[in-house]
C-alpha atoms as a PDB file:
ATOM      1  CA  MET A   1     -23.947  37.263  75.336  1.00  0.00           C
ATOM      2  CA  GLU A   2     -26.386  35.247  73.300  1.00  0.00           C
ATOM      3  CA  PRO A   3     -25.179  33.801  69.989  1.00  0.00           C
ATOM      4  CA  ARG A   4     -26.618  35.605  67.015  1.00  0.00           C
ATOM      5  CA  ALA A   5     -28.426  33.838  64.211  1.00  0.00           C
ATOM      6  CA  ILE A   6     -26.519  33.286  61.000  1.00  0.00           C
ATOM      7  CA  PRO A   7     -27.812  35.738  58.418  1.00  0.00           C
ATOM      8  CA  GLY A   8     -29.466  34.538  55.237  1.00  0.00           C
ATOM      9  CA  ARG A   9     -31.836  31.781  54.285  1.00  0.00           C
ATOM     10  CA  PRO A  10     -31.201  28.206  55.395  1.00  0.00           C
ATOM     11  CA  PRO A  11     -29.713  26.082  52.609  1.00  0.00           C
ATOM     12  CA  ARG A  12     -32.452  24.296  50.658  1.00  0.00           C
ATOM     13  CA  LYS A  13     -30.175  21.655  49.186  1.00  0.00           C
ATOM     14  CA  ALA A  14     -29.107  20.449  52.646  1.00  0.00           C
ATOM     15  CA  ARG A  15     -32.714  20.161  53.816  1.00  0.00           C
ATOM     16  CA  VAL A  16     -33.715  18.195  50.716  1.00  0.00           C
ATOM     17  CA  LEU A  17     -30.625  15.985  50.990  1.00  0.00           C
ATOM     18  CA  LYS A  18     -31.334  15.241  54.659  1.00  0.00           C
ATOM     19  CA  GLY A  19     -34.845  14.038  53.830  1.00  0.00           C
ATOM     20  CA  TRP A  20     -33.890  12.131  50.665  1.00  0.00           C
ATOM     21  CA  LEU A  21     -30.680  10.404  51.760  1.00  0.00           C
ATOM     22  CA  PRO A  22     -31.912   7.840  54.343  1.00  0.00           C
ATOM     23  CA  HIS A  23     -34.478   6.375  51.945  1.00  0.00           C
ATOM     24  CA  HIS A  24     -32.017   6.435  49.065  1.00  0.00           C
ATOM     25  CA  LEU A  25     -29.340   4.648  51.132  1.00  0.00           C
ATOM     26  CA  GLU A  26     -31.756   1.919  52.160  1.00  0.00           C
ATOM     27  CA  ALA A  27     -32.684   1.268  48.534  1.00  0.00           C
ATOM     28  CA  ASN A  28     -29.137   1.686  47.135  1.00  0.00           C
ATOM     29  CA  ASP A  29     -26.675   0.749  49.861  1.00  0.00           C
ATOM     30  CA  ASP A  30     -23.936  -0.430  47.475  1.00  0.00           C
ATOM     31  CA  LEU A  31     -23.400   2.831  45.540  1.00  0.00           C
ATOM     32  CA  THR A  32     -20.298   5.007  45.786  1.00  0.00           C
ATOM     33  CA  LEU A  33     -20.435   8.619  46.969  1.00  0.00           C
ATOM     34  CA  GLU A  34     -20.147   9.732  43.338  1.00  0.00           C
ATOM     35  CA  GLU A  35     -23.080   7.535  42.352  1.00  0.00           C
ATOM     36  CA  HIS A  36     -25.177   8.908  45.228  1.00  0.00           C
ATOM     37  CA  SER A  37     -24.267  12.413  44.066  1.00  0.00           C
ATOM     38  CA  GLU A  38     -25.319  11.610  40.490  1.00  0.00           C
ATOM     39  CA  ALA A  39     -28.606  10.097  41.705  1.00  0.00           C
ATOM     40  CA  PHE A  40     -29.377  13.273  43.684  1.00  0.00           C
ATOM     41  CA  GLU A  41     -28.647  15.404  40.625  1.00  0.00           C
ATOM     42  CA  GLU A  42     -30.866  13.222  38.420  1.00  0.00           C
ATOM     43  CA  GLU A  43     -33.757  13.450  40.877  1.00  0.00           C
ATOM     44  CA  PHE A  44     -33.530  17.112  41.904  1.00  0.00           C
ATOM     45  CA  GLY A  45     -31.540  18.776  39.121  1.00  0.00           C
ATOM     46  CA  GLN A  46     -28.949  20.131  41.553  1.00  0.00           C
ATOM     47  CA  ARG A  47     -25.329  19.028  41.759  1.00  0.00           C
ATOM     48  CA  VAL A  48     -24.065  18.063  45.205  1.00  0.00           C
ATOM     49  CA  SER A  49     -20.430  17.206  45.887  1.00  0.00           C
ATOM     50  CA  THR A  50     -19.225  13.838  47.127  1.00  0.00           C
ATOM     51  CA  ALA A  51     -17.886  15.638  50.218  1.00  0.00           C
ATOM     52  CA  THR A  52     -21.387  16.941  50.973  1.00  0.00           C
ATOM     53  CA  ILE A  53     -22.847  13.455  50.518  1.00  0.00           C
ATOM     54  CA  GLY A  54     -20.175  12.039  52.840  1.00  0.00           C
ATOM     55  CA  ARG A  55     -20.858  14.650  55.525  1.00  0.00           C
ATOM     56  CA  ALA A  56     -24.604  14.097  55.230  1.00  0.00           C
ATOM     57  CA  ILE A  57     -24.114  10.343  55.691  1.00  0.00           C
ATOM     58  CA  ALA A  58     -21.830  10.916  58.690  1.00  0.00           C
ATOM     59  CA  ASN A  59     -24.442  13.222  60.261  1.00  0.00           C
ATOM     60  CA  LEU A  60     -27.274  10.710  60.014  1.00  0.00           C
ATOM     61  CA  PRO A  61     -28.717   9.564  63.363  1.00  0.00           C
ATOM     62  CA  ASP A  62     -26.852   6.772  65.172  1.00  0.00           C
ATOM     63  CA  ASP A  63     -23.426   7.896  63.914  1.00  0.00           C
ATOM     64  CA  GLY A  64     -24.161   7.707  60.210  1.00  0.00           C
ATOM     65  CA  TRP A  65     -24.500   4.813  57.843  1.00  0.00           C
ATOM     66  CA  PRO A  66     -22.375   1.707  58.524  1.00  0.00           C
ATOM     67  CA  ILE A  67     -19.408   1.238  56.221  1.00  0.00           C
ATOM     68  CA  LYS A  68     -19.930  -1.846  54.128  1.00  0.00           C
ATOM     69  CA  LYS A  69     -17.075  -4.327  54.096  1.00  0.00           C
ATOM     70  CA  VAL A  70     -16.544  -5.974  50.719  1.00  0.00           C
ATOM     71  CA  LYS A  71     -15.416  -9.574  51.029  1.00  0.00           C
ATOM     72  CA  ASP A  72     -12.174 -10.395  49.165  1.00  0.00           C
ATOM     73  CA  SER A  73     -11.624  -6.739  48.322  1.00  0.00           C
ATOM     74  CA  HIS A  74      -8.208  -5.120  48.063  1.00  0.00           C
ATOM     75  CA  ARG A  75      -9.574  -1.941  49.614  1.00  0.00           C
ATOM     76  CA  ALA A  76      -8.666  -1.304  53.217  1.00  0.00           C
END
């Protein structure tokens, strides 16, 4: 059996996020997920969750965006 297509339109927000995120990360690599979410909402007028931003970053080519280590930080 062949897999059937998922009914409905493809999500527009995900397509826009996929195109916007790499350029935004290069210009703003020190922002938190919440700040990236707020920037997306300011630019496109659509709210996107921090979980969606995190998944989109993880799904970028080459295993996502590297996690930045903050020197002398108490974060693990």
